[in-house]
C-alpha atoms as a PDB file:
ATOM      1  CA  MET A   1      10.329  27.474  87.390  1.00  0.00           C
ATOM      2  CA  ASN A   2       7.875  30.146  86.230  1.00  0.00           C
ATOM      3  CA  LEU A   3       9.367  31.653  83.061  1.00  0.00           C
ATOM      4  CA  ALA A   4       7.612  35.011  83.418  1.00  0.00           C
ATOM      5  CA  LEU A   5       7.801  37.334  80.440  1.00  0.00           C
ATOM      6  CA  ALA A   6      10.587  39.875  80.707  1.00  0.00           C
ATOM      7  CA  THR A   7      11.831  42.711  78.526  1.00  0.00           C
ATOM      8  CA  ALA A   8      13.868  42.478  75.341  1.00  0.00           C
ATOM      9  CA  THR A   9      16.906  43.752  77.284  1.00  0.00           C
ATOM     10  CA  THR A  10      17.254  40.570  79.357  1.00  0.00           C
ATOM     11  CA  PRO A  11      20.984  39.922  79.974  1.00  0.00           C
ATOM     12  CA  LEU A  12      22.570  37.025  78.119  1.00  0.00           C
ATOM     13  CA  ASP A  13      23.236  35.073  81.325  1.00  0.00           C
ATOM     14  CA  GLU A  14      19.561  35.345  82.245  1.00  0.00           C
ATOM     15  CA  ILE A  15      18.521  34.097  78.791  1.00  0.00           C
ATOM     16  CA  ARG A  16      20.865  31.119  79.148  1.00  0.00           C
ATOM     17  CA  TYR A  17      19.432  30.362  82.581  1.00  0.00           C
ATOM     18  CA  ARG A  18      15.871  30.436  81.308  1.00  0.00           C
ATOM     19  CA  LEU A  19      16.827  28.200  78.396  1.00  0.00           C
ATOM     20  CA  THR A  20      18.321  25.587  80.676  1.00  0.00           C
ATOM     21  CA  GLU A  21      15.531  25.730  83.266  1.00  0.00           C
ATOM     22  CA  ALA A  22      12.582  25.451  80.880  1.00  0.00           C
ATOM     23  CA  SER A  23      10.819  22.089  80.994  1.00  0.00           C
ATOM     24  CA  ALA A  24      10.448  22.214  77.204  1.00  0.00           C
ATOM     25  CA  LEU A  25      11.884  24.212  74.318  1.00  0.00           C
ATOM     26  CA  ILE A  26       9.362  24.665  71.503  1.00  0.00           C
ATOM     27  CA  PHE A  27      10.767  25.646  68.115  1.00  0.00           C
ATOM     28  CA  ASP A  28       9.269  27.350  65.119  1.00  0.00           C
ATOM     29  CA  VAL A  29      10.832  26.119  61.854  1.00  0.00           C
ATOM     30  CA  ASP A  30      11.009  28.457  58.835  1.00  0.00           C
ATOM     31  CA  GLY A  31      13.367  31.311  59.661  1.00  0.00           C
ATOM     32  CA  THR A  32      14.055  29.937  63.143  1.00  0.00           C
ATOM     33  CA  LEU A  33      15.728  26.567  62.598  1.00  0.00           C
ATOM     34  CA  ALA A  34      16.877  27.490  59.078  1.00  0.00           C
ATOM     35  CA  GLU A  35      16.652  30.364  56.609  1.00  0.00           C
ATOM     36  CA  THR A  36      14.299  28.489  54.300  1.00  0.00           C
ATOM     37  CA  GLU A  37      12.179  31.339  52.977  1.00  0.00           C
ATOM     38  CA  GLU A  38      14.170  32.000  49.806  1.00  0.00           C
ATOM     39  CA  LEU A  39      13.795  28.348  48.801  1.00  0.00           C
ATOM     40  CA  HIS A  40      10.064  28.575  49.554  1.00  0.00           C
ATOM     41  CA  ARG A  41       9.828  31.692  47.355  1.00  0.00           C
ATOM     42  CA  GLU A  42      11.699  29.961  44.539  1.00  0.00           C
ATOM     43  CA  ALA A  43       9.417  26.931  44.816  1.00  0.00           C
ATOM     44  CA  PHE A  44       6.307  29.106  44.637  1.00  0.00           C
ATOM     45  CA  ASN A  45       7.582  30.834  41.497  1.00  0.00           C
ATOM     46  CA  GLU A  46       8.408  27.519  39.831  1.00  0.00           C
ATOM     47  CA  ALA A  47       4.918  26.253  40.659  1.00  0.00           C
ATOM     48  CA  PHE A  48       3.356  29.328  39.058  1.00  0.00           C
ATOM     49  CA  VAL A  49       5.316  28.705  35.852  1.00  0.00           C
ATOM     50  CA  GLN A  50       4.442  25.014  35.838  1.00  0.00           C
ATOM     51  CA  LEU A  51       0.717  25.757  36.101  1.00  0.00           C
ATOM     52  CA  GLY A  52       0.814  28.544  33.529  1.00  0.00           C
ATOM     53  CA  LEU A  53       0.236  31.535  35.812  1.00  0.00           C
ATOM     54  CA  ASP A  54       1.933  34.841  35.012  1.00  0.00           C
ATOM     55  CA  TRP A  55       2.703  35.402  38.693  1.00  0.00           C
ATOM     56  CA  HIS A  56       6.131  36.085  40.146  1.00  0.00           C
ATOM     57  CA  TRP A  57       6.896  36.808  43.797  1.00  0.00           C
ATOM     58  CA  GLY A  58       9.958  38.979  44.272  1.00  0.00           C
ATOM     59  CA  PRO A  59      11.478  39.507  47.734  1.00  0.00           C
ATOM     60  CA  ARG A  60       9.405  42.634  48.412  1.00  0.00           C
ATOM     61  CA  ILE A  61       5.996  41.096  47.697  1.00  0.00           C
ATOM     62  CA  TYR A  62       7.022  37.859  49.398  1.00  0.00           C
ATOM     63  CA  LYS A  63       7.954  39.740  52.554  1.00  0.00           C
ATOM     64  CA  GLU A  64       4.475  41.269  52.537  1.00  0.00           C
ATOM     65  CA  LEU A  65       2.824  37.908  51.905  1.00  0.00           C
ATOM     66  CA  LEU A  66       4.731  36.299  54.779  1.00  0.00           C
ATOM     67  CA  GLN A  67       2.490  38.272  57.123  1.00  0.00           C
ATOM     68  CA  VAL A  68      -0.156  35.745  56.020  1.00  0.00           C
ATOM     69  CA  ALA A  69       0.545  32.381  57.647  1.00  0.00           C
ATOM     70  CA  GLY A  70       0.342  29.306  55.427  1.00  0.00           C
ATOM     71  CA  GLY A  71       1.176  28.653  51.784  1.00  0.00           C
ATOM     72  CA  LYS A  72      -2.385  28.156  50.556  1.00  0.00           C
ATOM     73  CA  GLU A  73      -3.429  31.276  52.415  1.00  0.00           C
ATOM     74  CA  ARG A  74      -0.655  33.294  50.727  1.00  0.00           C
ATOM     75  CA  ILE A  75      -1.790  32.089  47.319  1.00  0.00           C
ATOM     76  CA  ARG A  76      -5.345  33.191  48.088  1.00  0.00           C
ATOM     77  CA  ALA A  77      -4.148  36.532  49.456  1.00  0.00           C
ATOM     78  CA  PHE A  78      -2.133  37.251  46.312  1.00  0.00           C
ATOM     79  CA  ASP A  79      -5.037  36.150  44.126  1.00  0.00           C
ATOM     80  CA  GLN A  80      -7.232  38.710  45.884  1.00  0.00           C
ATOM     81  CA  MET A  81      -4.600  41.423  45.426  1.00  0.00           C
ATOM     82  CA  ARG A  82      -4.218  40.704  41.687  1.00  0.00           C
ATOM     83  CA  ARG A  83      -7.739  39.650  40.843  1.00  0.00           C
ATOM     84  CA  SER A  84      -9.183  40.819  37.520  1.00  0.00           C
ATOM     85  CA  GLY A  85     -11.425  37.819  36.956  1.00  0.00           C
ATOM     86  CA  PRO A  86     -12.921  34.968  38.960  1.00  0.00           C
ATOM     87  CA  PRO A  87     -10.930  33.785  41.990  1.00  0.00           C
ATOM     88  CA  LEU A  88      -8.846  30.650  41.860  1.00  0.00           C
ATOM     89  CA  THR A  89     -10.868  27.624  42.861  1.00  0.00           C
ATOM     90  CA  ASP A  90      -9.965  25.628  45.960  1.00  0.00           C
ATOM     91  CA  ALA A  91      -8.859  22.808  43.651  1.00  0.00           C
ATOM     92  CA  VAL A  92      -6.432  25.067  41.775  1.00  0.00           C
ATOM     93  CA  VAL A  93      -5.062  26.508  45.035  1.00  0.00           C
ATOM     94  CA  ALA A  94      -4.532  22.964  46.345  1.00  0.00           C
ATOM     95  CA  GLU A  95      -2.832  21.922  43.094  1.00  0.00           C
ATOM     96  CA  LEU A  96      -0.554  24.963  43.175  1.00  0.00           C
ATOM     97  CA  HIS A  97       0.379  24.279  46.763  1.00  0.00           C
ATOM     98  CA  GLY A  98       1.033  20.622  46.018  1.00  0.00           C
ATOM     99  CA  VAL A  99       3.349  21.489  43.123  1.00  0.00           C
ATOM    100  CA  LYS A 100       5.080  24.084  45.278  1.00  0.00           C
ATOM    101  CA  THR A 101       5.620  21.539  48.077  1.00  0.00           C
ATOM    102  CA  ALA A 102       7.127  19.059  45.627  1.00  0.00           C
ATOM    103  CA  ARG A 103       9.395  21.749  44.157  1.00  0.00           C
ATOM    104  CA  PHE A 104      10.521  22.784  47.660  1.00  0.00           C
ATOM    105  CA  ALA A 105      11.530  19.207  48.447  1.00  0.00           C
ATOM    106  CA  ALA A 106      13.410  18.994  45.144  1.00  0.00           C
ATOM    107  CA  LEU A 107      15.214  22.282  45.785  1.00  0.00           C
ATOM    108  CA  MET A 108      16.138  21.145  49.289  1.00  0.00           C
ATOM    109  CA  ALA A 109      17.587  17.940  47.871  1.00  0.00           C
ATOM    110  CA  GLU A 110      19.454  19.864  45.159  1.00  0.00           C
ATOM    111  CA  LYS A 111      20.727  22.889  47.084  1.00  0.00           C
ATOM    112  CA  GLY A 112      20.306  22.013  50.746  1.00  0.00           C
ATOM    113  CA  CYS A 113      19.653  24.472  53.541  1.00  0.00           C
ATOM    114  CA  PRO A 114      21.809  24.329  56.665  1.00  0.00           C
ATOM    115  CA  LEU A 115      20.473  24.931  60.132  1.00  0.00           C
ATOM    116  CA  ARG A 116      21.090  28.442  61.376  1.00  0.00           C
ATOM    117  CA  PRO A 117      24.168  29.132  63.519  1.00  0.00           C
ATOM    118  CA  GLY A 118      23.803  27.761  67.035  1.00  0.00           C
ATOM    119  CA  VAL A 119      20.726  25.637  66.348  1.00  0.00           C
ATOM    120  CA  ARG A 120      22.347  22.191  66.307  1.00  0.00           C
ATOM    121  CA  PRO A 121      24.465  22.833  69.433  1.00  0.00           C
ATOM    122  CA  LEU A 122      21.393  24.168  71.244  1.00  0.00           C
ATOM    123  CA  LEU A 123      19.348  21.089  70.327  1.00  0.00           C
ATOM    124  CA  ASP A 124      22.153  18.734  71.348  1.00  0.00           C
ATOM    125  CA  ALA A 125      22.763  20.542  74.653  1.00  0.00           C
ATOM    126  CA  ALA A 126      19.059  20.515  75.535  1.00  0.00           C
ATOM    127  CA  LEU A 127      18.772  16.786  74.867  1.00  0.00           C
ATOM    128  CA  ALA A 128      21.924  16.135  76.908  1.00  0.00           C
ATOM    129  CA  ARG A 129      20.279  17.961  79.830  1.00  0.00           C
ATOM    130  CA  GLY A 130      17.172  15.849  79.476  1.00  0.00           C
ATOM    131  CA  GLN A 131      14.994  18.727  78.298  1.00  0.00           C
ATOM    132  CA  THR A 132      11.945  18.100  76.163  1.00  0.00           C
ATOM    133  CA  LEU A 133      12.016  19.445  72.592  1.00  0.00           C
ATOM    134  CA  ALA A 134       8.981  20.204  70.436  1.00  0.00           C
ATOM    135  CA  ILE A 135       8.043  21.865  67.142  1.00  0.00           C
ATOM    136  CA  ALA A 136       5.155  24.268  66.549  1.00  0.00           C
ATOM    137  CA  THR A 137       4.993  25.394  62.932  1.00  0.00           C
ATOM    138  CA  THR A 138       2.628  26.503  60.200  1.00  0.00           C
ATOM    139  CA  THR A 139       4.592  24.679  57.511  1.00  0.00           C
ATOM    140  CA  THR A 140       3.675  21.178  56.336  1.00  0.00           C
ATOM    141  CA  ARG A 141       5.114  17.893  57.539  1.00  0.00           C
ATOM    142  CA  ALA A 142       6.486  17.292  54.046  1.00  0.00           C
ATOM    143  CA  ASN A 143       8.456  20.531  54.295  1.00  0.00           C
ATOM    144  CA  LEU A 144       9.647  19.577  57.768  1.00  0.00           C
ATOM    145  CA  ASP A 145      11.002  16.292  56.488  1.00  0.00           C
ATOM    146  CA  ALA A 146      12.649  17.958  53.484  1.00  0.00           C
ATOM    147  CA  LEU A 147      14.564  20.270  55.835  1.00  0.00           C
ATOM    148  CA  LEU A 148      15.258  18.143  58.900  1.00  0.00           C
ATOM    149  CA  ALA A 149      16.001  14.728  57.407  1.00  0.00           C
ATOM    150  CA  PRO A 150      19.234  15.985  55.762  1.00  0.00           C
ATOM    151  CA  ALA A 151      20.096  18.262  58.693  1.00  0.00           C
ATOM    152  CA  LEU A 152      19.374  15.906  61.610  1.00  0.00           C
ATOM    153  CA  SER A 153      19.018  12.429  60.006  1.00  0.00           C
ATOM    154  CA  GLN A 154      16.027  10.470  58.767  1.00  0.00           C
ATOM    155  CA  ALA A 155      15.116   9.814  62.403  1.00  0.00           C
ATOM    156  CA  TRP A 156      14.865  13.549  63.188  1.00  0.00           C
ATOM    157  CA  GLU A 157      11.372  13.266  64.622  1.00  0.00           C
ATOM    158  CA  ALA A 158      12.635  11.056  67.452  1.00  0.00           C
ATOM    159  CA  ARG A 159      14.331  14.134  68.921  1.00  0.00           C
ATOM    160  CA  PHE A 160      11.003  15.883  69.461  1.00  0.00           C
ATOM    161  CA  ALA A 161       8.331  14.856  71.948  1.00  0.00           C
ATOM    162  CA  ALA A 162       5.677  16.729  69.954  1.00  0.00           C
ATOM    163  CA  VAL A 163       5.557  17.942  66.354  1.00  0.00           C
ATOM    164  CA  VAL A 164       2.542  20.073  65.436  1.00  0.00           C
ATOM    165  CA  ALA A 165       2.363  21.349  61.851  1.00  0.00           C
ATOM    166  CA  ALA A 166       0.005  23.310  59.612  1.00  0.00           C
ATOM    167  CA  ASP A 167      -2.581  20.634  58.929  1.00  0.00           C
ATOM    168  CA  ASP A 168      -2.798  19.516  62.560  1.00  0.00           C
ATOM    169  CA  VAL A 169      -4.817  22.523  63.760  1.00  0.00           C
ATOM    170  CA  ALA A 170      -7.718  24.661  62.560  1.00  0.00           C
ATOM    171  CA  ARG A 171      -6.004  28.055  62.701  1.00  0.00           C
ATOM    172  CA  LYS A 172      -2.483  29.140  61.880  1.00  0.00           C
ATOM    173  CA  LYS A 173      -0.284  31.682  63.656  1.00  0.00           C
ATOM    174  CA  PRO A 174      -0.867  34.304  65.063  1.00  0.00           C
ATOM    175  CA  ALA A 175      -3.646  32.134  66.512  1.00  0.00           C
ATOM    176  CA  PRO A 176      -2.234  30.070  69.397  1.00  0.00           C
ATOM    177  CA  ASP A 177      -3.536  26.704  68.124  1.00  0.00           C
ATOM    178  CA  VAL A 178      -0.205  25.037  67.280  1.00  0.00           C
ATOM    179  CA  TYR A 179       1.234  25.991  70.653  1.00  0.00           C
ATOM    180  CA  LEU A 180      -1.864  24.942  72.575  1.00  0.00           C
ATOM    181  CA  GLU A 181      -1.752  21.564  70.829  1.00  0.00           C
ATOM    182  CA  VAL A 182       1.931  21.152  71.703  1.00  0.00           C
ATOM    183  CA  LEU A 183       1.226  21.984  75.355  1.00  0.00           C
ATOM    184  CA  SER A 184      -1.624  19.488  75.363  1.00  0.00           C
ATOM    185  CA  GLN A 185       0.589  16.737  73.956  1.00  0.00           C
ATOM    186  CA  LEU A 186       3.382  17.534  76.411  1.00  0.00           C
ATOM    187  CA  ASP A 187       0.959  17.949  79.335  1.00  0.00           C
ATOM    188  CA  LEU A 188       2.766  21.136  80.370  1.00  0.00           C
ATOM    189  CA  SER A 189       1.639  24.653  81.192  1.00  0.00           C
ATOM    190  CA  GLY A 190       2.882  27.477  79.001  1.00  0.00           C
ATOM    191  CA  GLU A 191       4.924  29.205  81.691  1.00  0.00           C
ATOM    192  CA  ARG A 192       7.076  26.098  82.132  1.00  0.00           C
ATOM    193  CA  CYS A 193       8.160  26.213  78.478  1.00  0.00           C
ATOM    194  CA  LEU A 194      10.098  28.530  76.199  1.00  0.00           C
ATOM    195  CA  ALA A 195       9.186  29.202  72.564  1.00  0.00           C
ATOM    196  CA  ILE A 196      11.889  30.086  70.054  1.00  0.00           C
ATOM    197  CA  GLU A 197      10.537  32.141  67.150  1.00  0.00           C
ATOM    198  CA  ASP A 198      11.625  34.596  64.462  1.00  0.00           C
ATOM    199  CA  SER A 199       8.426  36.511  63.588  1.00  0.00           C
ATOM    200  CA  GLY A 200       5.870  38.815  65.106  1.00  0.00           C
ATOM    201  CA  ASN A 201       3.075  36.368  64.254  1.00  0.00           C
ATOM    202  CA  GLY A 202       4.964  33.583  65.991  1.00  0.00           C
ATOM    203  CA  LEU A 203       5.538  35.764  69.029  1.00  0.00           C
ATOM    204  CA  LEU A 204       1.819  36.536  69.246  1.00  0.00           C
ATOM    205  CA  ALA A 205       0.862  32.887  68.841  1.00  0.00           C
ATOM    206  CA  ALA A 206       3.155  31.705  71.633  1.00  0.00           C
ATOM    207  CA  ARG A 207       2.248  34.512  74.018  1.00  0.00           C
ATOM    208  CA  ARG A 208      -1.459  33.853  73.466  1.00  0.00           C
ATOM    209  CA  ALA A 209      -0.748  30.314  74.637  1.00  0.00           C
ATOM    210  CA  GLY A 210       0.983  31.693  77.739  1.00  0.00           C
ATOM    211  CA  ILE A 211       4.503  30.787  76.630  1.00  0.00           C
ATOM    212  CA  PRO A 212       7.519  33.113  77.023  1.00  0.00           C
ATOM    213  CA  VAL A 213       9.312  33.758  73.735  1.00  0.00           C
ATOM    214  CA  LEU A 214      12.921  34.117  72.642  1.00  0.00           C
ATOM    215  CA  ILE A 215      13.229  35.780  69.233  1.00  0.00           C
ATOM    216  CA  THR A 216      16.086  34.991  66.861  1.00  0.00           C
ATOM    217  CA  ARG A 217      16.020  37.517  64.027  1.00  0.00           C
ATOM    218  CA  SER A 218      15.743  36.152  60.489  1.00  0.00           C
ATOM    219  CA  ARG A 219      16.059  37.642  57.017  1.00  0.00           C
ATOM    220  CA  TYR A 220      12.415  38.386  56.318  1.00  0.00           C
ATOM    221  CA  PHE A 221      11.183  39.252  59.818  1.00  0.00           C
ATOM    222  CA  SER A 222      14.077  41.228  61.281  1.00  0.00           C
ATOM    223  CA  ASP A 223      12.013  44.431  61.538  1.00  0.00           C
ATOM    224  CA  ASP A 224       8.822  42.872  62.966  1.00  0.00           C
ATOM    225  CA  ASP A 225       7.396  44.183  66.224  1.00  0.00           C
ATOM    226  CA  PHE A 226       8.851  42.005  68.981  1.00  0.00           C
ATOM    227  CA  ASP A 227       7.357  43.863  71.926  1.00  0.00           C
ATOM    228  CA  GLY A 228       6.750  41.407  74.753  1.00  0.00           C
ATOM    229  CA  ALA A 229       9.533  38.991  73.815  1.00  0.00           C
ATOM    230  CA  LEU A 230      11.758  37.706  76.592  1.00  0.00           C
ATOM    231  CA  ALA A 231      14.735  38.690  74.460  1.00  0.00           C
ATOM    232  CA  VAL A 232      15.721  39.323  70.845  1.00  0.00           C
ATOM    233  CA  VAL A 233      19.025  37.946  69.519  1.00  0.00           C
ATOM    234  CA  ASP A 234      20.609  37.816  66.077  1.00  0.00           C
ATOM    235  CA  ASP A 235      21.171  34.057  66.269  1.00  0.00           C
ATOM    236  CA  LEU A 236      21.479  31.259  68.819  1.00  0.00           C
ATOM    237  CA  THR A 237      25.259  30.876  68.697  1.00  0.00           C
ATOM    238  CA  GLU A 238      25.970  32.069  72.241  1.00  0.00           C
ATOM    239  CA  LEU A 239      23.060  30.268  73.865  1.00  0.00           C
ATOM    240  CA  ALA A 240      24.038  26.593  73.686  1.00  0.00           C
ATOM    241  CA  VAL A 241      25.054  25.878  77.269  1.00  0.00           C
END
């Protein structure tokens, strides 16, 4: 079936139909599968303290920085905003990001982060139908494992026919690279798939790869521009069929 792009007012029954008829469902992770961003923000702030930086990202500045895809890229963007001396070296940025990644895993183990409402039933229903599942994300594989191993089991990756993360492609969202790589691995055209995203950058990335997009609003991206999405829903609760 050709999943042509429709308007954001697509009726619920039509969304369900498109979900069930897609050859593959391709999921973003942060904000889409789980509301992880507050734990990411906390991990960044702990990394800054550990490395002796007087930085602190509150919710307002973090929301702004989330328009920049990728943790290292956000560090560089904030460094440029705050710069009063020489820029952070690539080595320092990499060290900061490494500490942040380790802190995120520790926070996940300590506090946990459940999947968003409707996610697990949707995954289970899709697999029961024989649909292909995939992940297209700009987070790291370490972060993926920290989230999905507790939520789906240590063998979580076996559920997904393709997993493409930040370090697997040259450019991050809104560039289409992660989605194009997923399509290549699945050997499918974009119109036969459905992307599930929560952000404007994710929407742009998927559409640039020719993939229709279902938006599930999340905390930090609820007021993004979702023009061109197949539909916009608050969560996935009513869509597991």
